[in-house]
């Protein structure tokens, strides 16, 4: 079994990212801490959907979905495109998909 390298406290402190970045990272993970938002992101994992389609899929009201989408958009996890009067929402980039996939894999691995 390999021996772990002992790290001195002063070395660890120098390697930490700036406090503001760590705060932002914590805030990002707080957004993932809500089951409704996770359900919405999971629904958008395969592609874009309207608020109406998401609300039907999740069995929730459109205002409730819209409220959560606002939070997801503010965190840059979800984006939208307008087509006529309808906005279609989608996961903002591959990083969001990776976070969801990694979390799911972590929970389902044996």
PDB file of N, CA and C in Angstrom:
ATOM      1  N   UNK A   1       0.849  -1.169   0.000  1.00  0.00           N
ATOM      2  CA  UNK A   1       0.000   0.000   0.000  1.00  0.00           C
ATOM      3  C   UNK A   1       0.900   1.240   0.000  1.00  0.00           C
ATOM      4  N   UNK A   2       0.685   2.183  -0.958  1.00  0.00           N
ATOM      5  CA  UNK A   2       1.538   3.377  -1.003  1.00  0.00           C
ATOM      6  C   UNK A   2       1.288   4.287   0.187  1.00  0.00           C
ATOM      7  N   UNK A   3       2.356   4.934   0.625  1.00  0.00           N
ATOM      8  CA  UNK A   3       2.237   5.867   1.746  1.00  0.00           C
ATOM      9  C   UNK A   3       1.732   7.204   1.232  1.00  0.00           C
ATOM     10  N   UNK A   4       0.857   7.806   2.015  1.00  0.00           N
ATOM     11  CA  UNK A   4       0.336   9.128   1.656  1.00  0.00           C
ATOM     12  C   UNK A   4       1.362  10.190   1.985  1.00  0.00           C
ATOM     13  N   UNK A   5       1.493  11.152   1.086  1.00  0.00           N
ATOM     14  CA  UNK A   5       2.391  12.282   1.316  1.00  0.00           C
ATOM     15  C   UNK A   5       1.750  13.204   2.343  1.00  0.00           C
ATOM     16  N   UNK A   6       2.511  13.557   3.366  1.00  0.00           N
ATOM     17  CA  UNK A   6       1.998  14.495   4.362  1.00  0.00           C
ATOM     18  C   UNK A   6       2.154  15.905   3.824  1.00  0.00           C
ATOM     19  N   UNK A   7       1.055  16.634   3.820  1.00  0.00           N
ATOM     20  CA  UNK A   7       1.062  18.006   3.327  1.00  0.00           C
ATOM     21  C   UNK A   7       1.025  18.940   4.522  1.00  0.00           C
ATOM     22  N   UNK A   8       1.916  19.883   4.510  1.00  0.00           N
ATOM     23  CA  UNK A   8       1.956  20.868   5.574  1.00  0.00           C
ATOM     24  C   UNK A   8       0.823  21.872   5.374  1.00  0.00           C
ATOM     25  N   UNK A   9       0.214  22.385   6.452  1.00  0.00           N
ATOM     26  CA  UNK A   9      -0.899  23.337   6.328  1.00  0.00           C
ATOM     27  C   UNK A   9      -0.585  24.531   5.435  1.00  0.00           C
ATOM     28  N   UNK A  10       0.635  25.072   5.517  1.00  0.00           N
ATOM     29  CA  UNK A  10       0.955  26.234   4.690  1.00  0.00           C
ATOM     30  C   UNK A  10       0.975  25.872   3.208  1.00  0.00           C
ATOM     31  N   UNK A  11       1.333  24.625   2.851  1.00  0.00           N
ATOM     32  CA  UNK A  11       1.311  24.185   1.456  1.00  0.00           C
ATOM     33  C   UNK A  11      -0.129  24.093   0.958  1.00  0.00           C
ATOM     34  N   UNK A  12      -1.006  23.558   1.780  1.00  0.00           N
ATOM     35  CA  UNK A  12      -2.411  23.414   1.410  1.00  0.00           C
ATOM     36  C   UNK A  12      -3.035  24.777   1.151  1.00  0.00           C
ATOM     37  N   UNK A  13      -2.783  25.729   2.015  1.00  0.00           N
ATOM     38  CA  UNK A  13      -3.368  27.060   1.869  1.00  0.00           C
ATOM     39  C   UNK A  13      -2.939  27.702   0.554  1.00  0.00           C
ATOM     40  N   UNK A  14      -1.713  27.517   0.151  1.00  0.00           N
ATOM     41  CA  UNK A  14      -1.228  28.102  -1.099  1.00  0.00           C
ATOM     42  C   UNK A  14      -1.890  27.465  -2.308  1.00  0.00           C
ATOM     43  N   UNK A  15      -2.333  26.223  -2.197  1.00  0.00           N
ATOM     44  CA  UNK A  15      -2.910  25.516  -3.328  1.00  0.00           C
ATOM     45  C   UNK A  15      -4.414  25.749  -3.476  1.00  0.00           C
ATOM     46  N   UNK A  16      -5.046  26.343  -2.486  1.00  0.00           N
ATOM     47  CA  UNK A  16      -6.477  26.586  -2.560  1.00  0.00           C
ATOM     48  C   UNK A  16      -6.784  27.701  -3.547  1.00  0.00           C
ATOM     49  N   UNK A  17      -7.873  27.540  -4.303  1.00  0.00           N
ATOM     50  CA  UNK A  17      -8.304  28.633  -5.186  1.00  0.00           C
ATOM     51  C   UNK A  17      -8.745  29.828  -4.350  1.00  0.00           C
ATOM     52  N   UNK A  18      -8.901  30.984  -4.974  1.00  0.00           N
ATOM     53  CA  UNK A  18      -9.355  32.170  -4.230  1.00  0.00           C
ATOM     54  C   UNK A  18     -10.700  31.921  -3.552  1.00  0.00           C
ATOM     55  N   UNK A  19     -10.892  32.534  -2.402  1.00  0.00           N
ATOM     56  CA  UNK A  19     -12.112  32.354  -1.604  1.00  0.00           C
ATOM     57  C   UNK A  19     -13.369  32.660  -2.417  1.00  0.00           C
ATOM     58  N   UNK A  20     -13.329  33.710  -3.239  1.00  0.00           N
ATOM     59  CA  UNK A  20     -14.499  34.085  -4.046  1.00  0.00           C
ATOM     60  C   UNK A  20     -14.893  32.967  -5.010  1.00  0.00           C
ATOM     61  N   UNK A  21     -13.903  32.323  -5.607  1.00  0.00           N
ATOM     62  CA  UNK A  21     -14.184  31.212  -6.514  1.00  0.00           C
ATOM     63  C   UNK A  21     -14.781  30.021  -5.764  1.00  0.00           C
ATOM     64  N   UNK A  22     -14.259  29.752  -4.586  1.00  0.00           N
ATOM     65  CA  UNK A  22     -14.808  28.662  -3.770  1.00  0.00           C
ATOM     66  C   UNK A  22     -16.240  28.960  -3.344  1.00  0.00           C
ATOM     67  N   UNK A  23     -16.532  30.223  -3.024  1.00  0.00           N
ATOM     68  CA  UNK A  23     -17.898  30.635  -2.672  1.00  0.00           C
ATOM     69  C   UNK A  23     -18.831  30.416  -3.861  1.00  0.00           C
ATOM     70  N   UNK A  24     -18.375  30.806  -5.048  1.00  0.00           N
ATOM     71  CA  UNK A  24     -19.177  30.610  -6.262  1.00  0.00           C
ATOM     72  C   UNK A  24     -19.432  29.127  -6.525  1.00  0.00           C
ATOM     73  N   UNK A  25     -18.417  28.304  -6.279  1.00  0.00           N
ATOM     74  CA  UNK A  25     -18.573  26.858  -6.462  1.00  0.00           C
ATOM     75  C   UNK A  25     -19.599  26.306  -5.481  1.00  0.00           C
ATOM     76  N   UNK A  26     -19.537  26.756  -4.247  1.00  0.00           N
ATOM     77  CA  UNK A  26     -20.532  26.345  -3.249  1.00  0.00           C
ATOM     78  C   UNK A  26     -21.936  26.754  -3.650  1.00  0.00           C
ATOM     79  N   UNK A  27     -22.064  27.977  -4.166  1.00  0.00           N
ATOM     80  CA  UNK A  27     -23.377  28.466  -4.622  1.00  0.00           C
ATOM     81  C   UNK A  27     -23.899  27.626  -5.792  1.00  0.00           C
ATOM     82  N   UNK A  28     -22.998  27.244  -6.702  1.00  0.00           N
ATOM     83  CA  UNK A  28     -23.406  26.399  -7.823  1.00  0.00           C
ATOM     84  C   UNK A  28     -23.965  25.069  -7.321  1.00  0.00           C
ATOM     85  N   UNK A  29     -23.274  24.455  -6.373  1.00  0.00           N
ATOM     86  CA  UNK A  29     -23.741  23.174  -5.857  1.00  0.00           C
ATOM     87  C   UNK A  29     -25.033  23.307  -5.056  1.00  0.00           C
ATOM     88  N   UNK A  30     -25.291  24.465  -4.483  1.00  0.00           N
ATOM     89  CA  UNK A  30     -26.578  24.689  -3.811  1.00  0.00           C
ATOM     90  C   UNK A  30     -27.732  24.596  -4.807  1.00  0.00           C
ATOM     91  N   UNK A  31     -27.506  25.073  -6.024  1.00  0.00           N
ATOM     92  CA  UNK A  31     -28.542  24.998  -7.054  1.00  0.00           C
ATOM     93  C   UNK A  31     -28.868  23.533  -7.346  1.00  0.00           C
ATOM     94  N   UNK A  32     -27.863  22.685  -7.321  1.00  0.00           N
ATOM     95  CA  UNK A  32     -28.065  21.246  -7.551  1.00  0.00           C
ATOM     96  C   UNK A  32     -28.723  20.571  -6.347  1.00  0.00           C
ATOM     97  N   UNK A  33     -28.852  21.276  -5.233  1.00  0.00           N
ATOM     98  CA  UNK A  33     -29.399  20.701  -4.014  1.00  0.00           C
ATOM     99  C   UNK A  33     -30.912  20.640  -3.951  1.00  0.00           C
ATOM    100  N   UNK A  34     -31.591  21.052  -5.005  1.00  0.00           N
ATOM    101  CA  UNK A  34     -33.051  21.050  -5.022  1.00  0.00           C
ATOM    102  C   UNK A  34     -33.546  19.964  -5.977  1.00  0.00           C
ATOM    103  N   UNK A  35     -34.369  19.053  -5.476  1.00  0.00           N
ATOM    104  CA  UNK A  35     -34.847  17.929  -6.275  1.00  0.00           C
ATOM    105  C   UNK A  35     -35.630  18.372  -7.505  1.00  0.00           C
ATOM    106  N   UNK A  36     -36.430  19.404  -7.378  1.00  0.00           N
ATOM    107  CA  UNK A  36     -37.196  19.880  -8.536  1.00  0.00           C
ATOM    108  C   UNK A  36     -36.258  20.362  -9.635  1.00  0.00           C
ATOM    109  N   UNK A  37     -35.234  21.104  -9.267  1.00  0.00           N
ATOM    110  CA  UNK A  37     -34.288  21.585 -10.281  1.00  0.00           C
ATOM    111  C   UNK A  37     -33.534  20.429 -10.919  1.00  0.00           C
ATOM    112  N   UNK A  38     -33.181  19.421 -10.130  1.00  0.00           N
ATOM    113  CA  UNK A  38     -32.520  18.234 -10.680  1.00  0.00           C
ATOM    114  C   UNK A  38     -33.453  17.527 -11.662  1.00  0.00           C
ATOM    115  N   UNK A  39     -34.719  17.411 -11.299  1.00  0.00           N
ATOM    116  CA  UNK A  39     -35.691  16.764 -12.194  1.00  0.00           C
ATOM    117  C   UNK A  39     -35.810  17.529 -13.515  1.00  0.00           C
ATOM    118  N   UNK A  40     -35.816  18.849 -13.439  1.00  0.00           N
ATOM    119  CA  UNK A  40     -35.898  19.670 -14.652  1.00  0.00           C
ATOM    120  C   UNK A  40     -34.646  19.461 -15.504  1.00  0.00           C
ATOM    121  N   UNK A  41     -33.480  19.511 -14.888  1.00  0.00           N
ATOM    122  CA  UNK A  41     -32.248  19.320 -15.656  1.00  0.00           C
ATOM    123  C   UNK A  41     -32.186  17.920 -16.249  1.00  0.00           C
ATOM    124  N   UNK A  42     -32.658  16.935 -15.502  1.00  0.00           N
ATOM    125  CA  UNK A  42     -32.672  15.569 -16.026  1.00  0.00           C
ATOM    126  C   UNK A  42     -33.627  15.473 -17.216  1.00  0.00           C
ATOM    127  N   UNK A  43     -34.762  16.167 -17.153  1.00  0.00           N
ATOM    128  CA  UNK A  43     -35.711  16.178 -18.266  1.00  0.00           C
ATOM    129  C   UNK A  43     -35.087  16.815 -19.501  1.00  0.00           C
ATOM    130  N   UNK A  44     -34.208  17.793 -19.294  1.00  0.00           N
ATOM    131  CA  UNK A  44     -33.566  18.494 -20.404  1.00  0.00           C
ATOM    132  C   UNK A  44     -32.280  17.813 -20.870  1.00  0.00           C
ATOM    133  N   UNK A  45     -31.912  16.737 -20.231  1.00  0.00           N
ATOM    134  CA  UNK A  45     -30.643  16.064 -20.528  1.00  0.00           C
ATOM    135  C   UNK A  45     -30.541  15.643 -21.992  1.00  0.00           C
ATOM    136  N   UNK A  46     -31.628  15.158 -22.553  1.00  0.00           N
ATOM    137  CA  UNK A  46     -31.604  14.657 -23.930  1.00  0.00           C
ATOM    138  C   UNK A  46     -31.923  15.724 -24.970  1.00  0.00           C
ATOM    139  N   UNK A  47     -32.456  16.862 -24.550  1.00  0.00           N
ATOM    140  CA  UNK A  47     -32.762  17.900 -25.520  1.00  0.00           C
ATOM    141  C   UNK A  47     -33.691  18.953 -24.949  1.00  0.00           C
ATOM    142  N   UNK A  48     -34.028  19.897 -25.799  1.00  0.00           N
ATOM    143  CA  UNK A  48     -34.813  21.043 -25.353  1.00  0.00           C
ATOM    144  C   UNK A  48     -36.290  20.710 -25.193  1.00  0.00           C
ATOM    145  N   UNK A  49     -36.915  21.482 -24.297  1.00  0.00           N
ATOM    146  CA  UNK A  49     -38.343  21.313 -24.022  1.00  0.00           C
ATOM    147  C   UNK A  49     -38.935  22.667 -23.643  1.00  0.00           C
ATOM    148  N   UNK A  50     -40.226  22.818 -23.882  1.00  0.00           N
ATOM    149  CA  UNK A  50     -40.939  24.022 -23.453  1.00  0.00           C
ATOM    150  C   UNK A  50     -41.352  23.869 -21.989  1.00  0.00           C
ATOM    151  N   UNK A  51     -41.736  24.974 -21.375  1.00  0.00           N
ATOM    152  CA  UNK A  51     -42.216  24.939 -19.997  1.00  0.00           C
ATOM    153  C   UNK A  51     -43.430  24.014 -19.898  1.00  0.00           C
ATOM    154  N   UNK A  52     -44.321  24.100 -20.872  1.00  0.00           N
ATOM    155  CA  UNK A  52     -45.521  23.267 -20.857  1.00  0.00           C
ATOM    156  C   UNK A  52     -45.152  21.777 -20.896  1.00  0.00           C
ATOM    157  N   UNK A  53     -44.210  21.409 -21.762  1.00  0.00           N
ATOM    158  CA  UNK A  53     -43.796  20.008 -21.862  1.00  0.00           C
ATOM    159  C   UNK A  53     -43.130  19.536 -20.570  1.00  0.00           C
ATOM    160  N   UNK A  54     -42.291  20.390 -19.978  1.00  0.00           N
ATOM    161  CA  UNK A  54     -41.638  20.027 -18.714  1.00  0.00           C
ATOM    162  C   UNK A  54     -42.677  19.854 -17.620  1.00  0.00           C
ATOM    163  N   UNK A  55     -43.637  20.769 -17.548  1.00  0.00           N
ATOM    164  CA  UNK A  55     -44.652  20.693 -16.494  1.00  0.00           C
ATOM    165  C   UNK A  55     -45.499  19.434 -16.643  1.00  0.00           C
ATOM    166  N   UNK A  56     -45.815  19.050 -17.866  1.00  0.00           N
ATOM    167  CA  UNK A  56     -46.581  17.814 -18.087  1.00  0.00           C
ATOM    168  C   UNK A  56     -45.757  16.592 -17.695  1.00  0.00           C
ATOM    169  N   UNK A  57     -44.493  16.579 -18.098  1.00  0.00           N
ATOM    170  CA  UNK A  57     -43.625  15.445 -17.789  1.00  0.00           C
ATOM    171  C   UNK A  57     -43.441  15.266 -16.289  1.00  0.00           C
ATOM    172  N   UNK A  58     -43.263  16.381 -15.581  1.00  0.00           N
ATOM    173  CA  UNK A  58     -42.992  16.299 -14.142  1.00  0.00           C
ATOM    174  C   UNK A  58     -44.243  16.371 -13.275  1.00  0.00           C
ATOM    175  N   UNK A  59     -45.388  16.622 -13.902  1.00  0.00           N
ATOM    176  CA  UNK A  59     -46.626  16.709 -13.139  1.00  0.00           C
ATOM    177  C   UNK A  59     -46.661  17.909 -12.215  1.00  0.00           C
ATOM    178  N   UNK A  60     -46.144  19.034 -12.700  1.00  0.00           N
ATOM    179  CA  UNK A  60     -46.092  20.256 -11.901  1.00  0.00           C
ATOM    180  C   UNK A  60     -46.733  21.392 -12.685  1.00  0.00           C
ATOM    181  N   UNK A  61     -47.034  22.477 -11.988  1.00  0.00           N
ATOM    182  CA  UNK A  61     -47.640  23.623 -12.664  1.00  0.00           C
ATOM    183  C   UNK A  61     -46.572  24.379 -13.461  1.00  0.00           C
ATOM    184  N   UNK A  62     -47.036  25.088 -14.498  1.00  0.00           N
ATOM    185  CA  UNK A  62     -46.110  25.882 -15.299  1.00  0.00           C
ATOM    186  C   UNK A  62     -45.434  26.986 -14.482  1.00  0.00           C
ATOM    187  N   UNK A  63     -46.172  27.696 -13.594  1.00  0.00           N
ATOM    188  CA  UNK A  63     -45.490  28.708 -12.780  1.00  0.00           C
ATOM    189  C   UNK A  63     -44.380  28.121 -11.900  1.00  0.00           C
ATOM    190  N   UNK A  64     -44.606  26.939 -11.365  1.00  0.00           N
ATOM    191  CA  UNK A  64     -43.579  26.300 -10.532  1.00  0.00           C
ATOM    192  C   UNK A  64     -42.340  25.964 -11.358  1.00  0.00           C
ATOM    193  N   UNK A  65     -42.546  25.475 -12.565  1.00  0.00           N
ATOM    194  CA  UNK A  65     -41.427  25.164 -13.461  1.00  0.00           C
ATOM    195  C   UNK A  65     -40.706  26.448 -13.850  1.00  0.00           C
ATOM    196  N   UNK A  66     -41.461  27.474 -14.212  1.00  0.00           N
ATOM    197  CA  UNK A  66     -40.859  28.755 -14.606  1.00  0.00           C
ATOM    198  C   UNK A  66     -40.013  29.344 -13.481  1.00  0.00           C
ATOM    199  N   UNK A  67     -40.496  29.236 -12.253  1.00  0.00           N
ATOM    200  CA  UNK A  67     -39.755  29.742 -11.100  1.00  0.00           C
ATOM    201  C   UNK A  67     -38.395  29.045 -10.985  1.00  0.00           C
ATOM    202  N   UNK A  68     -38.391  27.729 -11.127  1.00  0.00           N
ATOM    203  CA  UNK A  68     -37.142  26.973 -11.014  1.00  0.00           C
ATOM    204  C   UNK A  68     -36.226  27.231 -12.213  1.00  0.00           C
ATOM    205  N   UNK A  69     -36.807  27.392 -13.397  1.00  0.00           N
ATOM    206  CA  UNK A  69     -35.999  27.693 -14.584  1.00  0.00           C
ATOM    207  C   UNK A  69     -35.279  29.030 -14.426  1.00  0.00           C
ATOM    208  N   UNK A  70     -35.918  29.975 -13.771  1.00  0.00           N
ATOM    209  CA  UNK A  70     -35.288  31.283 -13.529  1.00  0.00           C
ATOM    210  C   UNK A  70     -34.008  31.096 -12.712  1.00  0.00           C
ATOM    211  N   UNK A  71     -34.071  30.274 -11.685  1.00  0.00           N
ATOM    212  CA  UNK A  71     -32.897  29.988 -10.854  1.00  0.00           C
ATOM    213  C   UNK A  71     -31.821  29.273 -11.662  1.00  0.00           C
ATOM    214  N   UNK A  72     -32.239  28.298 -12.468  1.00  0.00           N
ATOM    215  CA  UNK A  72     -31.283  27.552 -13.286  1.00  0.00           C
ATOM    216  C   UNK A  72     -30.620  28.447 -14.331  1.00  0.00           C
ATOM    217  N   UNK A  73     -31.393  29.360 -14.901  1.00  0.00           N
ATOM    218  CA  UNK A  73     -30.824  30.298 -15.872  1.00  0.00           C
ATOM    219  C   UNK A  73     -29.838  31.245 -15.201  1.00  0.00           C
ATOM    220  N   UNK A  74     -30.162  31.723 -14.017  1.00  0.00           N
ATOM    221  CA  UNK A  74     -29.280  32.636 -13.283  1.00  0.00           C
ATOM    222  C   UNK A  74     -27.937  31.978 -12.965  1.00  0.00           C
ATOM    223  N   UNK A  75     -27.947  30.664 -12.796  1.00  0.00           N
ATOM    224  CA  UNK A  75     -26.727  29.912 -12.509  1.00  0.00           C
ATOM    225  C   UNK A  75     -26.029  29.446 -13.795  1.00  0.00           C
ATOM    226  N   UNK A  76     -26.551  29.850 -14.941  1.00  0.00           N
ATOM    227  CA  UNK A  76     -26.010  29.460 -16.255  1.00  0.00           C
ATOM    228  C   UNK A  76     -26.000  27.950 -16.475  1.00  0.00           C
ATOM    229  N   UNK A  77     -26.968  27.272 -15.893  1.00  0.00           N
ATOM    230  CA  UNK A  77     -27.098  25.830 -16.085  1.00  0.00           C
ATOM    231  C   UNK A  77     -28.076  25.506 -17.204  1.00  0.00           C
ATOM    232  N   UNK A  78     -29.003  26.415 -17.458  1.00  0.00           N
ATOM    233  CA  UNK A  78     -30.031  26.243 -18.477  1.00  0.00           C
ATOM    234  C   UNK A  78     -30.070  27.516 -19.319  1.00  0.00           C
ATOM    235  N   UNK A  79     -30.342  27.332 -20.601  1.00  0.00           N
ATOM    236  CA  UNK A  79     -30.520  28.469 -21.510  1.00  0.00           C
ATOM    237  C   UNK A  79     -31.808  28.237 -22.283  1.00  0.00           C
ATOM    238  N   UNK A  80     -32.249  29.241 -23.004  1.00  0.00           N
ATOM    239  CA  UNK A  80     -33.492  29.108 -23.761  1.00  0.00           C
ATOM    240  C   UNK A  80     -33.402  29.781 -25.108  1.00  0.00           C
ATOM    241  N   UNK A  81     -34.244  29.332 -26.017  1.00  0.00           N
ATOM    242  CA  UNK A  81     -34.362  29.971 -27.322  1.00  0.00           C
ATOM    243  C   UNK A  81     -35.843  30.164 -27.606  1.00  0.00           C
ATOM    244  N   UNK A  82     -36.159  31.295 -28.170  1.00  0.00           N
ATOM    245  CA  UNK A  82     -37.549  31.635 -28.453  1.00  0.00           C
ATOM    246  C   UNK A  82     -37.912  31.178 -29.867  1.00  0.00           C
ATOM    247  N   UNK A  83     -39.089  30.571 -29.957  1.00  0.00           N
ATOM    248  CA  UNK A  83     -39.667  30.213 -31.251  1.00  0.00           C
ATOM    249  C   UNK A  83     -41.115  30.687 -31.204  1.00  0.00           C
ATOM    250  N   UNK A  84     -41.379  31.830 -31.817  1.00  0.00           N
ATOM    251  CA  UNK A  84     -42.699  32.431 -31.711  1.00  0.00           C
ATOM    252  C   UNK A  84     -42.920  32.891 -30.286  1.00  0.00           C
ATOM    253  N   UNK A  85     -44.023  32.439 -29.690  1.00  0.00           N
ATOM    254  CA  UNK A  85     -44.315  32.800 -28.296  1.00  0.00           C
ATOM    255  C   UNK A  85     -43.757  31.792 -27.297  1.00  0.00           C
ATOM    256  N   UNK A  86     -43.211  30.708 -27.797  1.00  0.00           N
ATOM    257  CA  UNK A  86     -42.734  29.633 -26.927  1.00  0.00           C
ATOM    258  C   UNK A  86     -41.221  29.713 -26.754  1.00  0.00           C
ATOM    259  N   UNK A  87     -40.776  29.496 -25.522  1.00  0.00           N
ATOM    260  CA  UNK A  87     -39.340  29.399 -25.245  1.00  0.00           C
ATOM    261  C   UNK A  87     -39.014  27.935 -24.984  1.00  0.00           C
ATOM    262  N   UNK A  88     -38.024  27.457 -25.679  1.00  0.00           N
ATOM    263  CA  UNK A  88     -37.550  26.094 -25.489  1.00  0.00           C
ATOM    264  C   UNK A  88     -36.266  26.146 -24.677  1.00  0.00           C
ATOM    265  N   UNK A  89     -36.245  25.401 -23.578  1.00  0.00           N
ATOM    266  CA  UNK A  89     -35.111  25.396 -22.664  1.00  0.00           C
ATOM    267  C   UNK A  89     -34.244  24.176 -22.908  1.00  0.00           C
ATOM    268  N   UNK A  90     -32.958  24.327 -22.610  1.00  0.00           N
ATOM    269  CA  UNK A  90     -31.998  23.243 -22.788  1.00  0.00           C
ATOM    270  C   UNK A  90     -30.844  23.452 -21.804  1.00  0.00           C
ATOM    271  N   UNK A  91     -30.097  22.375 -21.544  1.00  0.00           N
ATOM    272  CA  UNK A  91     -28.923  22.497 -20.676  1.00  0.00           C
ATOM    273  C   UNK A  91     -27.901  23.371 -21.390  1.00  0.00           C
ATOM    274  N   UNK A  92     -27.293  24.277 -20.669  1.00  0.00           N
ATOM    275  CA  UNK A  92     -26.473  25.311 -21.304  1.00  0.00           C
ATOM    276  C   UNK A  92     -25.214  24.797 -21.987  1.00  0.00           C
ATOM    277  N   UNK A  93     -24.616  23.716 -21.475  1.00  0.00           N
ATOM    278  CA  UNK A  93     -23.428  23.181 -22.141  1.00  0.00           C
ATOM    279  C   UNK A  93     -23.136  21.756 -21.671  1.00  0.00           C
ATOM    280  N   UNK A  94     -22.082  21.192 -22.222  1.00  0.00           N
ATOM    281  CA  UNK A  94     -21.712  19.809 -21.897  1.00  0.00           C
ATOM    282  C   UNK A  94     -21.238  19.656 -20.456  1.00  0.00           C
ATOM    283  N   UNK A  95     -20.744  20.734 -19.838  1.00  0.00           N
ATOM    284  CA  UNK A  95     -20.324  20.636 -18.443  1.00  0.00           C
ATOM    285  C   UNK A  95     -21.497  20.265 -17.546  1.00  0.00           C
ATOM    286  N   UNK A  96     -22.649  20.833 -17.818  1.00  0.00           N
ATOM    287  CA  UNK A  96     -23.836  20.547 -17.001  1.00  0.00           C
ATOM    288  C   UNK A  96     -24.206  19.079 -17.158  1.00  0.00           C
ATOM    289  N   UNK A  97     -24.183  18.593 -18.390  1.00  0.00           N
ATOM    290  CA  UNK A  97     -24.461  17.166 -18.621  1.00  0.00           C
ATOM    291  C   UNK A  97     -23.455  16.289 -17.876  1.00  0.00           C
ATOM    292  N   UNK A  98     -22.188  16.688 -17.894  1.00  0.00           N
ATOM    293  CA  UNK A  98     -21.145  15.912 -17.214  1.00  0.00           C
ATOM    294  C   UNK A  98     -21.378  15.845 -15.713  1.00  0.00           C
ATOM    295  N   UNK A  99     -21.780  16.977 -15.118  1.00  0.00           N
ATOM    296  CA  UNK A  99     -22.043  17.005 -13.679  1.00  0.00           C
ATOM    297  C   UNK A  99     -23.192  16.063 -13.333  1.00  0.00           C
ATOM    298  N   UNK A 100     -24.269  16.130 -14.117  1.00  0.00           N
ATOM    299  CA  UNK A 100     -25.427  15.264 -13.874  1.00  0.00           C
ATOM    300  C   UNK A 100     -25.038  13.803 -14.061  1.00  0.00           C
ATOM    301  N   UNK A 101     -24.347  13.503 -15.147  1.00  0.00           N
ATOM    302  CA  UNK A 101     -23.948  12.121 -15.433  1.00  0.00           C
ATOM    303  C   UNK A 101     -23.008  11.585 -14.355  1.00  0.00           C
ATOM    304  N   UNK A 102     -22.047  12.401 -13.917  1.00  0.00           N
ATOM    305  CA  UNK A 102     -21.105  11.952 -12.884  1.00  0.00           C
ATOM    306  C   UNK A 102     -21.821  11.688 -11.564  1.00  0.00           C
ATOM    307  N   UNK A 103     -22.745  12.566 -11.197  1.00  0.00           N
ATOM    308  CA  UNK A 103     -23.508  12.353  -9.964  1.00  0.00           C
ATOM    309  C   UNK A 103     -24.342  11.090 -10.031  1.00  0.00           C
ATOM    310  N   UNK A 104     -25.008  10.885 -11.154  1.00  0.00           N
ATOM    311  CA  UNK A 104     -25.843   9.699 -11.338  1.00  0.00           C
ATOM    312  C   UNK A 104     -24.976   8.439 -11.278  1.00  0.00           C
ATOM    313  N   UNK A 105     -23.846   8.478 -11.973  1.00  0.00           N
ATOM    314  CA  UNK A 105     -22.939   7.325 -11.970  1.00  0.00           C
ATOM    315  C   UNK A 105     -22.430   7.033 -10.571  1.00  0.00           C
ATOM    316  N   UNK A 106     -22.081   8.071  -9.837  1.00  0.00           N
ATOM    317  CA  UNK A 106     -21.575   7.899  -8.473  1.00  0.00           C
ATOM    318  C   UNK A 106     -22.623   7.210  -7.590  1.00  0.00           C
ATOM    319  N   UNK A 107     -23.876   7.604  -7.745  1.00  0.00           N
ATOM    320  CA  UNK A 107     -24.943   7.042  -6.906  1.00  0.00           C
ATOM    321  C   UNK A 107     -25.343   5.622  -7.309  1.00  0.00           C
ATOM    322  N   UNK A 108     -25.131   5.270  -8.567  1.00  0.00           N
ATOM    323  CA  UNK A 108     -25.600   3.968  -9.042  1.00  0.00           C
ATOM    324  C   UNK A 108     -24.485   2.920  -9.171  1.00  0.00           C
ATOM    325  N   UNK A 109     -23.236   3.319  -8.920  1.00  0.00           N
ATOM    326  CA  UNK A 109     -22.158   2.338  -9.024  1.00  0.00           C
ATOM    327  C   UNK A 109     -22.193   1.413  -7.820  1.00  0.00           C
ATOM    328  N   UNK A 110     -21.708   0.230  -8.041  1.00  0.00           N
ATOM    329  CA  UNK A 110     -21.733  -0.767  -6.950  1.00  0.00           C
ATOM    330  C   UNK A 110     -20.413  -0.853  -6.262  1.00  0.00           C
TER     331      UNK A 110
END
